[in-house]
Amino acid sequence: MTFQQPPPRDEEILRVLQDRDGVPTTVVLRDGRALTVFDISWGYDMGDEFAHVTTNVELGDENTPLDVFVTNEVAKIVAPESGEVLLEVG
């Protein structure tokens, strides 16, 4: 039996976070939590269209928490240095 993985539906979210690797970025989740993200590691479970993301594995320091979220929880991504909304998810 073969399984066909559905195409990802979160490529833009992952691209924005990868492009800002090493730069503090605010990820606002739909529940209102705001996470400071320096770097990400991500993967897909079988059958999932949205990645699970672990933050601050490489570049965070002892004061930066390691967080885990799923990309379908993201409401927006903000550049904290300017307040610019880099991506708003409908």
PDB file of N, CA and C in Angstrom:
ATOM      1  N   MET A   1       0.840  -1.176   0.000  1.00  0.00           N
ATOM      2  CA  MET A   1       0.000   0.000   0.000  1.00  0.00           C
ATOM      3  C   MET A   1       0.888   1.243   0.000  1.00  0.00           C
ATOM      4  N   THR A   2       0.584   2.173  -0.867  1.00  0.00           N
ATOM      5  CA  THR A   2       1.333   3.425  -0.897  1.00  0.00           C
ATOM      6  C   THR A   2       0.446   4.542  -0.376  1.00  0.00           C
ATOM      7  N   PHE A   3       1.094   5.528   0.176  1.00  0.00           N
ATOM      8  CA  PHE A   3       0.382   6.675   0.724  1.00  0.00           C
ATOM      9  C   PHE A   3       0.860   7.916   0.001  1.00  0.00           C
ATOM     10  N   GLN A   4      -0.070   8.732  -0.445  1.00  0.00           N
ATOM     11  CA  GLN A   4       0.298   9.966  -1.122  1.00  0.00           C
ATOM     12  C   GLN A   4       0.134  11.126  -0.147  1.00  0.00           C
ATOM     13  N   GLN A   5       1.249  11.778   0.158  1.00  0.00           N
ATOM     14  CA  GLN A   5       1.243  12.926   1.068  1.00  0.00           C
ATOM     15  C   GLN A   5       0.554  14.101   0.379  1.00  0.00           C
ATOM     16  N   PRO A   6      -0.404  14.756   1.041  1.00  0.00           N
ATOM     17  CA  PRO A   6      -1.036  15.922   0.424  1.00  0.00           C
ATOM     18  C   PRO A   6      -0.026  17.064   0.312  1.00  0.00           C
ATOM     19  N   PRO A   7      -0.222  17.968  -0.636  1.00  0.00           N
ATOM     20  CA  PRO A   7       0.703  19.093  -0.764  1.00  0.00           C
ATOM     21  C   PRO A   7       0.604  20.009   0.452  1.00  0.00           C
ATOM     22  N   PRO A   8       1.731  20.615   0.861  1.00  0.00           N
ATOM     23  CA  PRO A   8       1.702  21.522   2.005  1.00  0.00           C
ATOM     24  C   PRO A   8       0.885  22.773   1.703  1.00  0.00           C
ATOM     25  N   ARG A   9       0.246  23.300   2.747  1.00  0.00           N
ATOM     26  CA  ARG A   9      -0.558  24.508   2.608  1.00  0.00           C
ATOM     27  C   ARG A   9       0.043  25.662   3.402  1.00  0.00           C
ATOM     28  N   ASP A  10       1.323  25.553   3.748  1.00  0.00           N
ATOM     29  CA  ASP A  10       1.947  26.538   4.624  1.00  0.00           C
ATOM     30  C   ASP A  10       3.296  27.032   4.116  1.00  0.00           C
ATOM     31  N   GLU A  11       3.546  26.869   2.828  1.00  0.00           N
ATOM     32  CA  GLU A  11       4.863  27.200   2.288  1.00  0.00           C
ATOM     33  C   GLU A  11       5.245  28.658   2.509  1.00  0.00           C
ATOM     34  N   GLU A  12       4.278  29.577   2.418  1.00  0.00           N
ATOM     35  CA  GLU A  12       4.593  30.994   2.593  1.00  0.00           C
ATOM     36  C   GLU A  12       5.005  31.293   4.033  1.00  0.00           C
ATOM     37  N   ILE A  13       4.343  30.687   4.995  1.00  0.00           N
ATOM     38  CA  ILE A  13       4.716  30.872   6.402  1.00  0.00           C
ATOM     39  C   ILE A  13       6.148  30.402   6.625  1.00  0.00           C
ATOM     40  N   LEU A  14       6.465  29.210   6.154  1.00  0.00           N
ATOM     41  CA  LEU A  14       7.807  28.666   6.339  1.00  0.00           C
ATOM     42  C   LEU A  14       8.851  29.495   5.603  1.00  0.00           C
ATOM     43  N   ARG A  15       8.522  29.991   4.410  1.00  0.00           N
ATOM     44  CA  ARG A  15       9.468  30.822   3.653  1.00  0.00           C
ATOM     45  C   ARG A  15       9.808  32.095   4.413  1.00  0.00           C
ATOM     46  N   VAL A  16       8.792  32.785   4.948  1.00  0.00           N
ATOM     47  CA  VAL A  16       9.034  34.029   5.688  1.00  0.00           C
ATOM     48  C   VAL A  16       9.934  33.752   6.892  1.00  0.00           C
ATOM     49  N   LEU A  17       9.654  32.704   7.631  1.00  0.00           N
ATOM     50  CA  LEU A  17      10.469  32.395   8.809  1.00  0.00           C
ATOM     51  C   LEU A  17      11.884  31.971   8.425  1.00  0.00           C
ATOM     52  N   GLN A  18      12.038  31.235   7.342  1.00  0.00           N
ATOM     53  CA  GLN A  18      13.378  30.851   6.880  1.00  0.00           C
ATOM     54  C   GLN A  18      14.162  32.073   6.412  1.00  0.00           C
ATOM     55  N   ASP A  19      13.495  32.988   5.717  1.00  0.00           N
ATOM     56  CA  ASP A  19      14.165  34.196   5.225  1.00  0.00           C
ATOM     57  C   ASP A  19      14.690  35.057   6.368  1.00  0.00           C
ATOM     58  N   ARG A  20      14.069  34.981   7.533  1.00  0.00           N
ATOM     59  CA  ARG A  20      14.478  35.792   8.683  1.00  0.00           C
ATOM     60  C   ARG A  20      15.327  34.991   9.673  1.00  0.00           C
ATOM     61  N   ASP A  21      15.863  33.884   9.256  1.00  0.00           N
ATOM     62  CA  ASP A  21      16.686  33.047  10.123  1.00  0.00           C
ATOM     63  C   ASP A  21      17.753  33.883  10.821  1.00  0.00           C
ATOM     64  N   GLY A  22      17.782  33.830  12.149  1.00  0.00           N
ATOM     65  CA  GLY A  22      18.768  34.568  12.925  1.00  0.00           C
ATOM     66  C   GLY A  22      18.318  35.950  13.351  1.00  0.00           C
ATOM     67  N   VAL A  23      17.205  36.420  12.806  1.00  0.00           N
ATOM     68  CA  VAL A  23      16.674  37.747  13.129  1.00  0.00           C
ATOM     69  C   VAL A  23      15.417  37.554  13.970  1.00  0.00           C
ATOM     70  N   PRO A  24      15.299  38.248  15.111  1.00  0.00           N
ATOM     71  CA  PRO A  24      14.082  38.073  15.911  1.00  0.00           C
ATOM     72  C   PRO A  24      12.832  38.401  15.100  1.00  0.00           C
ATOM     73  N   THR A  25      11.866  37.520  15.173  1.00  0.00           N
ATOM     74  CA  THR A  25      10.614  37.659  14.435  1.00  0.00           C
ATOM     75  C   THR A  25       9.479  37.295  15.384  1.00  0.00           C
ATOM     76  N   THR A  26       8.403  38.062  15.339  1.00  0.00           N
ATOM     77  CA  THR A  26       7.254  37.775  16.194  1.00  0.00           C
ATOM     78  C   THR A  26       6.225  36.981  15.402  1.00  0.00           C
ATOM     79  N   VAL A  27       5.878  35.826  15.919  1.00  0.00           N
ATOM     80  CA  VAL A  27       4.816  35.008  15.341  1.00  0.00           C
ATOM     81  C   VAL A  27       3.623  35.109  16.286  1.00  0.00           C
ATOM     82  N   VAL A  28       2.523  35.650  15.775  1.00  0.00           N
ATOM     83  CA  VAL A  28       1.303  35.775  16.569  1.00  0.00           C
ATOM     84  C   VAL A  28       0.384  34.621  16.192  1.00  0.00           C
ATOM     85  N   LEU A  29       0.002  33.853  17.198  1.00  0.00           N
ATOM     86  CA  LEU A  29      -0.874  32.708  16.966  1.00  0.00           C
ATOM     87  C   LEU A  29      -2.333  33.118  17.116  1.00  0.00           C
ATOM     88  N   ARG A  30      -3.217  32.318  16.580  1.00  0.00           N
ATOM     89  CA  ARG A  30      -4.656  32.624  16.602  1.00  0.00           C
ATOM     90  C   ARG A  30      -5.216  32.748  18.017  1.00  0.00           C
ATOM     91  N   ASP A  31      -4.572  32.119  18.993  1.00  0.00           N
ATOM     92  CA  ASP A  31      -5.047  32.224  20.378  1.00  0.00           C
ATOM     93  C   ASP A  31      -4.521  33.471  21.078  1.00  0.00           C
ATOM     94  N   GLY A  32      -3.765  34.316  20.334  1.00  0.00           N
ATOM     95  CA  GLY A  32      -3.262  35.567  20.883  1.00  0.00           C
ATOM     96  C   GLY A  32      -1.839  35.514  21.401  1.00  0.00           C
ATOM     97  N   ARG A  33      -1.284  34.321  21.560  1.00  0.00           N
ATOM     98  CA  ARG A  33       0.110  34.231  22.015  1.00  0.00           C
ATOM     99  C   ARG A  33       1.033  34.828  20.965  1.00  0.00           C
ATOM    100  N   ALA A  34       2.056  35.547  21.436  1.00  0.00           N
ATOM    101  CA  ALA A  34       3.076  36.107  20.554  1.00  0.00           C
ATOM    102  C   ALA A  34       4.406  35.448  20.911  1.00  0.00           C
ATOM    103  N   LEU A  35       5.018  34.785  19.933  1.00  0.00           N
ATOM    104  CA  LEU A  35       6.269  34.068  20.138  1.00  0.00           C
ATOM    105  C   LEU A  35       7.404  34.823  19.469  1.00  0.00           C
ATOM    106  N   THR A  36       8.544  34.918  20.154  1.00  0.00           N
ATOM    107  CA  THR A  36       9.746  35.464  19.533  1.00  0.00           C
ATOM    108  C   THR A  36      10.519  34.303  18.936  1.00  0.00           C
ATOM    109  N   VAL A  37      10.761  34.390  17.629  1.00  0.00           N
ATOM    110  CA  VAL A  37      11.371  33.285  16.888  1.00  0.00           C
ATOM    111  C   VAL A  37      12.675  33.753  16.256  1.00  0.00           C
ATOM    112  N   PHE A  38      13.757  33.008  16.512  1.00  0.00           N
ATOM    113  CA  PHE A  38      15.050  33.275  15.887  1.00  0.00           C
ATOM    114  C   PHE A  38      15.342  32.281  14.762  1.00  0.00           C
ATOM    115  N   ASP A  39      14.934  31.045  14.947  1.00  0.00           N
ATOM    116  CA  ASP A  39      15.152  30.010  13.934  1.00  0.00           C
ATOM    117  C   ASP A  39      14.095  28.933  14.111  1.00  0.00           C
ATOM    118  N   ILE A  40      13.936  28.131  13.067  1.00  0.00           N
ATOM    119  CA  ILE A  40      12.920  27.077  13.125  1.00  0.00           C
ATOM    120  C   ILE A  40      13.467  25.746  12.622  1.00  0.00           C
ATOM    121  N   SER A  41      12.851  24.713  13.121  1.00  0.00           N
ATOM    122  CA  SER A  41      12.996  23.360  12.600  1.00  0.00           C
ATOM    123  C   SER A  41      11.567  22.867  12.413  1.00  0.00           C
ATOM    124  N   TRP A  42      11.275  22.188  11.304  1.00  0.00           N
ATOM    125  CA  TRP A  42       9.889  21.806  11.051  1.00  0.00           C
ATOM    126  C   TRP A  42       9.818  20.461  10.347  1.00  0.00           C
ATOM    127  N   GLY A  43       8.630  19.906  10.376  1.00  0.00           N
ATOM    128  CA  GLY A  43       8.374  18.648   9.686  1.00  0.00           C
ATOM    129  C   GLY A  43       6.881  18.423   9.574  1.00  0.00           C
ATOM    130  N   TYR A  44       6.534  17.436   8.785  1.00  0.00           N
ATOM    131  CA  TYR A  44       5.130  17.083   8.555  1.00  0.00           C
ATOM    132  C   TYR A  44       4.891  15.658   9.026  1.00  0.00           C
ATOM    133  N   ASP A  45       3.796  15.466   9.735  1.00  0.00           N
ATOM    134  CA  ASP A  45       3.367  14.112  10.040  1.00  0.00           C
ATOM    135  C   ASP A  45       2.653  13.566   8.807  1.00  0.00           C
ATOM    136  N   MET A  46       2.631  12.264   8.670  1.00  0.00           N
ATOM    137  CA  MET A  46       2.000  11.643   7.515  1.00  0.00           C
ATOM    138  C   MET A  46       0.548  12.115   7.390  1.00  0.00           C
ATOM    139  N   GLY A  47       0.207  12.609   6.221  1.00  0.00           N
ATOM    140  CA  GLY A  47      -1.151  13.055   5.947  1.00  0.00           C
ATOM    141  C   GLY A  47      -1.433  14.506   6.284  1.00  0.00           C
ATOM    142  N   ASP A  48      -0.473  15.196   6.911  1.00  0.00           N
ATOM    143  CA  ASP A  48      -0.693  16.589   7.312  1.00  0.00           C
ATOM    144  C   ASP A  48      -0.314  17.568   6.212  1.00  0.00           C
ATOM    145  N   GLU A  49      -1.099  18.628   6.113  1.00  0.00           N
ATOM    146  CA  GLU A  49      -0.831  19.712   5.162  1.00  0.00           C
ATOM    147  C   GLU A  49      -0.136  20.884   5.839  1.00  0.00           C
ATOM    148  N   PHE A  50      -0.071  20.850   7.167  1.00  0.00           N
ATOM    149  CA  PHE A  50       0.544  21.918   7.943  1.00  0.00           C
ATOM    150  C   PHE A  50       1.668  21.326   8.790  1.00  0.00           C
ATOM    151  N   ALA A  51       2.787  22.041   8.847  1.00  0.00           N
ATOM    152  CA  ALA A  51       3.966  21.557   9.558  1.00  0.00           C
ATOM    153  C   ALA A  51       3.876  21.835  11.052  1.00  0.00           C
ATOM    154  N   HIS A  52       4.522  20.974  11.821  1.00  0.00           N
ATOM    155  CA  HIS A  52       4.774  21.280  13.231  1.00  0.00           C
ATOM    156  C   HIS A  52       6.142  21.949  13.272  1.00  0.00           C
ATOM    157  N   VAL A  53       6.236  23.037  14.018  1.00  0.00           N
ATOM    158  CA  VAL A  53       7.432  23.875  14.034  1.00  0.00           C
ATOM    159  C   VAL A  53       7.984  23.941  15.455  1.00  0.00           C
ATOM    160  N   THR A  54       9.290  23.761  15.584  1.00  0.00           N
ATOM    161  CA  THR A  54       9.996  23.979  16.843  1.00  0.00           C
ATOM    162  C   THR A  54      10.875  25.204  16.642  1.00  0.00           C
ATOM    163  N   THR A  55      10.846  26.125  17.609  1.00  0.00           N
ATOM    164  CA  THR A  55      11.570  27.389  17.457  1.00  0.00           C
ATOM    165  C   THR A  55      12.792  27.454  18.368  1.00  0.00           C
ATOM    166  N   ASN A  56      13.724  28.293  17.963  1.00  0.00           N
ATOM    167  CA  ASN A  56      14.866  28.701  18.786  1.00  0.00           C
ATOM    168  C   ASN A  56      15.743  27.535  19.228  1.00  0.00           C
ATOM    169  N   VAL A  57      15.924  26.582  18.347  1.00  0.00           N
ATOM    170  CA  VAL A  57      16.748  25.416  18.652  1.00  0.00           C
ATOM    171  C   VAL A  57      18.226  25.776  18.550  1.00  0.00           C
ATOM    172  N   GLU A  58      18.603  26.541  17.543  1.00  0.00           N
ATOM    173  CA  GLU A  58      20.008  26.859  17.283  1.00  0.00           C
ATOM    174  C   GLU A  58      20.426  28.221  17.823  1.00  0.00           C
ATOM    175  N   LEU A  59      19.615  29.249  17.587  1.00  0.00           N
ATOM    176  CA  LEU A  59      20.070  30.621  17.821  1.00  0.00           C
ATOM    177  C   LEU A  59      19.495  31.289  19.057  1.00  0.00           C
ATOM    178  N   GLY A  60      18.555  30.672  19.704  1.00  0.00           N
ATOM    179  CA  GLY A  60      18.028  31.256  20.928  1.00  0.00           C
ATOM    180  C   GLY A  60      19.069  31.186  22.038  1.00  0.00           C
ATOM    181  N   ASP A  61      18.861  31.969  23.086  1.00  0.00           N
ATOM    182  CA  ASP A  61      19.754  31.891  24.237  1.00  0.00           C
ATOM    183  C   ASP A  61      18.963  31.372  25.435  1.00  0.00           C
ATOM    184  N   GLU A  62      19.591  31.375  26.607  1.00  0.00           N
ATOM    185  CA  GLU A  62      18.923  30.819  27.787  1.00  0.00           C
ATOM    186  C   GLU A  62      17.680  31.603  28.194  1.00  0.00           C
ATOM    187  N   ASN A  63      17.530  32.830  27.694  1.00  0.00           N
ATOM    188  CA  ASN A  63      16.352  33.643  27.997  1.00  0.00           C
ATOM    189  C   ASN A  63      15.264  33.527  26.936  1.00  0.00           C
ATOM    190  N   THR A  64      15.538  32.794  25.872  1.00  0.00           N
ATOM    191  CA  THR A  64      14.582  32.645  24.776  1.00  0.00           C
ATOM    192  C   THR A  64      13.957  31.259  24.846  1.00  0.00           C
ATOM    193  N   PRO A  65      12.655  31.200  25.067  1.00  0.00           N
ATOM    194  CA  PRO A  65      12.035  29.872  25.198  1.00  0.00           C
ATOM    195  C   PRO A  65      11.985  29.114  23.877  1.00  0.00           C
ATOM    196  N   LEU A  66      12.046  27.817  23.995  1.00  0.00           N
ATOM    197  CA  LEU A  66      11.811  26.932  22.866  1.00  0.00           C
ATOM    198  C   LEU A  66      10.297  26.732  22.802  1.00  0.00           C
ATOM    199  N   ASP A  67       9.707  26.999  21.655  1.00  0.00           N
ATOM    200  CA  ASP A  67       8.262  26.866  21.488  1.00  0.00           C
ATOM    201  C   ASP A  67       7.967  25.866  20.380  1.00  0.00           C
ATOM    202  N   VAL A  68       6.776  25.301  20.423  1.00  0.00           N
ATOM    203  CA  VAL A  68       6.297  24.387  19.387  1.00  0.00           C
ATOM    204  C   VAL A  68       4.898  24.835  18.993  1.00  0.00           C
ATOM    205  N   PHE A  69       4.658  24.907  17.675  1.00  0.00           N
ATOM    206  CA  PHE A  69       3.321  25.224  17.183  1.00  0.00           C
ATOM    207  C   PHE A  69       3.115  24.545  15.840  1.00  0.00           C
ATOM    208  N   VAL A  70       1.875  24.544  15.376  1.00  0.00           N
ATOM    209  CA  VAL A  70       1.535  24.026  14.051  1.00  0.00           C
ATOM    210  C   VAL A  70       1.224  25.234  13.181  1.00  0.00           C
ATOM    211  N   THR A  71       1.649  25.206  11.933  1.00  0.00           N
ATOM    212  CA  THR A  71       1.533  26.401  11.091  1.00  0.00           C
ATOM    213  C   THR A  71       0.101  26.861  10.865  1.00  0.00           C
ATOM    214  N   ASN A  72      -0.888  25.991  11.019  1.00  0.00           N
ATOM    215  CA  ASN A  72      -2.268  26.464  10.860  1.00  0.00           C
ATOM    216  C   ASN A  72      -2.747  27.270  12.068  1.00  0.00           C
ATOM    217  N   GLU A  73      -1.909  27.404  13.091  1.00  0.00           N
ATOM    218  CA  GLU A  73      -2.203  28.254  14.243  1.00  0.00           C
ATOM    219  C   GLU A  73      -1.749  29.700  14.030  1.00  0.00           C
ATOM    220  N   VAL A  74      -0.973  29.966  12.978  1.00  0.00           N
ATOM    221  CA  VAL A  74      -0.377  31.292  12.770  1.00  0.00           C
ATOM    222  C   VAL A  74      -1.417  32.276  12.251  1.00  0.00           C
ATOM    223  N   ALA A  75      -1.506  33.435  12.921  1.00  0.00           N
ATOM    224  CA  ALA A  75      -2.380  34.524  12.471  1.00  0.00           C
ATOM    225  C   ALA A  75      -1.587  35.551  11.679  1.00  0.00           C
ATOM    226  N   LYS A  76      -0.379  35.882  12.169  1.00  0.00           N
ATOM    227  CA  LYS A  76       0.472  36.819  11.433  1.00  0.00           C
ATOM    228  C   LYS A  76       1.907  36.702  11.901  1.00  0.00           C
ATOM    229  N   ILE A  77       2.795  37.219  11.051  1.00  0.00           N
ATOM    230  CA  ILE A  77       4.223  37.263  11.337  1.00  0.00           C
ATOM    231  C   ILE A  77       4.650  38.719  11.216  1.00  0.00           C
ATOM    232  N   VAL A  78       5.357  39.210  12.247  1.00  0.00           N
ATOM    233  CA  VAL A  78       5.684  40.631  12.338  1.00  0.00           C
ATOM    234  C   VAL A  78       7.189  40.805  12.521  1.00  0.00           C
ATOM    235  N   ALA A  79       7.750  41.841  11.872  1.00  0.00           N
ATOM    236  CA  ALA A  79       9.132  42.249  12.095  1.00  0.00           C
ATOM    237  C   ALA A  79       9.125  43.205  13.288  1.00  0.00           C
ATOM    238  N   PRO A  80       9.588  42.776  14.468  1.00  0.00           N
ATOM    239  CA  PRO A  80       9.466  43.618  15.655  1.00  0.00           C
ATOM    240  C   PRO A  80      10.278  44.910  15.577  1.00  0.00           C
ATOM    241  N   GLU A  81      11.331  44.920  14.768  1.00  0.00           N
ATOM    242  CA  GLU A  81      12.164  46.123  14.675  1.00  0.00           C
ATOM    243  C   GLU A  81      11.438  47.273  13.998  1.00  0.00           C
ATOM    244  N   SER A  82      10.459  46.967  13.153  1.00  0.00           N
ATOM    245  CA  SER A  82       9.733  48.022  12.429  1.00  0.00           C
ATOM    246  C   SER A  82       8.225  47.985  12.680  1.00  0.00           C
ATOM    247  N   GLY A  83       7.732  46.869  13.192  1.00  0.00           N
ATOM    248  CA  GLY A  83       6.292  46.693  13.352  1.00  0.00           C
ATOM    249  C   GLY A  83       5.599  46.262  12.072  1.00  0.00           C
ATOM    250  N   GLU A  84       6.376  46.092  10.998  1.00  0.00           N
ATOM    251  CA  GLU A  84       5.805  45.693   9.710  1.00  0.00           C
ATOM    252  C   GLU A  84       5.227  44.281   9.789  1.00  0.00           C
ATOM    253  N   VAL A  85       4.004  44.131   9.311  1.00  0.00           N
ATOM    254  CA  VAL A  85       3.395  42.806   9.215  1.00  0.00           C
ATOM    255  C   VAL A  85       3.937  42.160   7.943  1.00  0.00           C
ATOM    256  N   LEU A  86       4.713  41.107   8.110  1.00  0.00           N
ATOM    257  CA  LEU A  86       5.339  40.422   6.981  1.00  0.00           C
ATOM    258  C   LEU A  86       4.375  39.466   6.293  1.00  0.00           C
ATOM    259  N   LEU A  87       3.450  38.914   7.078  1.00  0.00           N
ATOM    260  CA  LEU A  87       2.472  37.983   6.530  1.00  0.00           C
ATOM    261  C   LEU A  87       1.277  37.952   7.465  1.00  0.00           C
ATOM    262  N   GLU A  88       0.105  38.101   6.897  1.00  0.00           N
ATOM    263  CA  GLU A  88      -1.131  37.944   7.659  1.00  0.00           C
ATOM    264  C   GLU A  88      -1.891  36.794   7.028  1.00  0.00           C
ATOM    265  N   VAL A  89      -2.258  35.833   7.853  1.00  0.00           N
ATOM    266  CA  VAL A  89      -2.917  34.631   7.361  1.00  0.00           C
ATOM    267  C   VAL A  89      -4.415  34.781   7.572  1.00  0.00           C
ATOM    268  N   GLY A  90      -5.181  34.630   6.484  1.00  0.00           N
ATOM    269  CA  GLY A  90      -6.634  34.813   6.528  1.00  0.00           C
ATOM    270  C   GLY A  90      -7.282  33.744   7.240  1.00  0.00           C
TER     271      GLY A  90
END
